[in-house]
Structures are given as structure tokens and as C-alpha cells.
Amino acid sequence: MRWQQLSLPPACSIPRRDALRGFYSARHGEAAAIVARAIAAGEVDPQVDATEIIRLAVAPLFHRLFITHEPVTAEQARRAADVAARSGENTDRHLNQLARQPDPYAQARTA
């Protein structure tokens, strides 16, 4: 099955999409306060984007809940938050390493 066959039509109207975006924007802003406290406590790199950290923390949980319909345990949520919090560490080094590696998907994209 090709990945194009998996694409779905838009799930909602533009007003609904905008409302959903507004909802999550507000939630990200509220949750960013948690990241700000972690920065103040020296637990997280002060250079991180707090909203992006929140997105990184919840993405694996959303995937489990809404894509694969798996339960999420407290330990999985804690691990996702820890990984997201550390994501600011060494990000540039990691991206530079990835840039030097051959693209494993290049052949699939040209097919």
C-alpha cells in the first residue's frame, strides 16, 4: 500500500479547524508554564521553546491514544515528558549528525 492511499479528507470545516487550533494554542500556552518552572529550577535548558517542548511531550501520547488506540500509562507519559525536556540538549549536534547521513527514504520518494 502506498502512503498516498492512507491520506484522509479534511476532518472538519475551516471554522472548526480554527477553533481546534485556538483550543490547542491556549492549552500549549498554559502548559508552557510547567516548562518555565522547569527552566527556573535548572531542569531544562533555558534556550528551549516551551511550546515545542509541550508538543514533543504530548505527540507520542496522542499517537497512542488516537492513531493506534493504545492505552497510555503514567510511566509512558513520564518518559515522553523526560525525552521532550531533554530535547533541547544537543539538538544542534544531533541535527548536524543527521544531515551527514544518507537519506534512507530517498529511493522510496522517487518511486
Protein backbone atom coordinates (compact mmCIF):
# COMPACT_ATOMS: atom_id res chain seq x y z
CA MET A 1 0.00 0.00 0.00
CA ARG A 2 1.36 3.39 -0.93
CA TRP A 3 1.33 6.19 1.64
CA GLN A 4 -0.90 8.31 -0.62
CA GLN A 5 -3.69 5.77 -0.14
CA LEU A 6 -3.63 6.46 3.58
CA SER A 7 -4.40 10.16 3.30
CA LEU A 8 -7.81 11.19 4.52
CA PRO A 9 -10.10 14.06 3.53
CA PRO A 10 -10.14 17.13 5.79
CA ALA A 11 -11.78 16.16 9.06
CA CYS A 12 -13.58 19.40 9.66
CA SER A 13 -14.62 22.76 8.32
CA ILE A 14 -12.40 25.82 8.45
CA PRO A 15 -14.26 27.34 11.44
CA ARG A 16 -13.91 24.06 13.34
CA ARG A 17 -10.26 23.78 12.37
CA ASP A 18 -9.63 27.32 13.60
CA ALA A 19 -11.47 26.64 16.85
CA LEU A 20 -9.41 23.50 17.41
CA ARG A 21 -6.21 25.39 16.67
CA GLY A 22 -7.24 28.08 19.16
CA PHE A 23 -8.05 25.46 21.78
CA TYR A 24 -4.65 23.78 21.48
CA SER A 25 -2.81 27.07 21.29
CA ALA A 26 -4.34 28.05 24.63
CA ARG A 27 -3.51 24.62 26.15
CA HIS A 28 0.09 24.87 24.92
CA GLY A 29 0.36 28.32 26.47
CA GLU A 30 -0.96 27.06 29.79
CA ALA A 31 1.34 24.04 29.76
CA ALA A 32 4.33 26.22 28.87
CA ALA A 33 4.18 27.47 32.47
CA ILE A 34 5.30 23.99 33.54
CA VAL A 35 8.33 24.26 31.25
CA ALA A 36 9.05 27.75 32.61
CA ARG A 37 9.12 26.32 36.16
CA ALA A 38 11.48 23.56 34.99
CA ILE A 39 13.75 26.18 33.40
CA ALA A 40 13.74 28.23 36.63
CA ALA A 41 14.65 25.09 38.59
CA GLY A 42 17.56 24.39 36.23
CA GLU A 43 15.96 21.16 34.99
CA VAL A 44 15.57 22.27 31.38
CA ASP A 45 17.85 24.22 29.04
CA PRO A 46 16.74 27.89 29.12
CA GLN A 47 17.17 28.10 25.33
CA VAL A 48 14.27 25.70 24.62
CA ASP A 49 10.98 26.73 23.05
CA ALA A 50 8.46 25.89 25.78
CA THR A 51 5.59 25.35 23.34
CA GLU A 52 7.67 23.00 21.22
CA ILE A 53 8.62 21.02 24.34
CA ILE A 54 4.91 20.60 25.09
CA ARG A 55 4.24 19.41 21.55
CA LEU A 56 7.11 16.92 21.79
CA ALA A 57 5.82 15.62 25.11
CA VAL A 58 2.23 15.05 24.01
CA ALA A 59 2.84 13.78 20.45
CA PRO A 60 3.67 10.18 21.47
CA LEU A 61 0.67 10.15 23.81
CA PHE A 62 -1.70 11.42 21.11
CA HIS A 63 -0.27 8.83 18.73
CA ARG A 64 -1.01 6.02 21.14
CA LEU A 65 -4.48 7.31 22.03
CA PHE A 66 -5.81 8.46 18.67
CA ILE A 67 -3.80 6.66 15.98
CA THR A 68 -3.09 3.19 17.35
CA HIS A 69 -5.80 3.28 20.06
CA GLU A 70 -3.44 2.02 22.74
CA PRO A 71 -3.73 2.89 26.42
CA VAL A 72 -1.21 5.32 27.89
CA THR A 73 0.39 4.57 31.23
CA ALA A 74 1.72 7.10 33.69
CA GLU A 75 5.23 5.74 33.03
CA GLN A 76 4.88 6.32 29.27
CA ALA A 77 3.67 9.87 29.90
CA ARG A 78 6.58 10.49 32.30
CA ARG A 79 9.07 9.11 29.77
CA ALA A 80 7.64 11.28 26.96
CA ALA A 81 7.94 14.35 29.19
CA ASP A 82 11.54 13.46 30.11
CA VAL A 83 12.54 12.96 26.48
CA ALA A 84 10.86 16.22 25.47
CA ALA A 85 12.56 18.11 28.29
CA ARG A 86 15.96 16.82 27.19
CA SER A 87 15.28 17.57 23.53
CA GLY A 88 16.89 20.99 23.79
CA GLU A 89 20.15 19.39 24.86
CA ASN A 90 22.48 18.69 21.97
CA THR A 91 19.81 19.38 19.35
CA ASP A 92 22.20 21.17 17.01
CA ARG A 93 24.77 18.37 17.30
CA HIS A 94 22.12 15.76 16.58
CA LEU A 95 20.77 17.64 13.55
CA ASN A 96 24.30 18.02 12.17
CA GLN A 97 24.84 14.26 12.52
CA LEU A 98 21.57 13.55 10.72
CA ALA A 99 22.48 15.94 7.90
CA ARG A 100 25.66 13.95 7.21
CA GLN A 101 23.82 10.61 6.94
CA PRO A 102 22.40 9.34 3.63
CA ASP A 103 18.63 9.72 3.33
CA PRO A 104 17.15 6.22 3.80
CA TYR A 105 13.87 7.28 2.15
CA ALA A 106 15.28 8.93 -0.98
CA GLN A 107 14.67 5.87 -3.18
CA ALA A 108 11.08 5.45 -1.94
CA ARG A 109 10.25 9.09 -2.73
CA THR A 110 11.42 8.75 -6.35
CA ALA A 111 9.36 5.58 -6.96
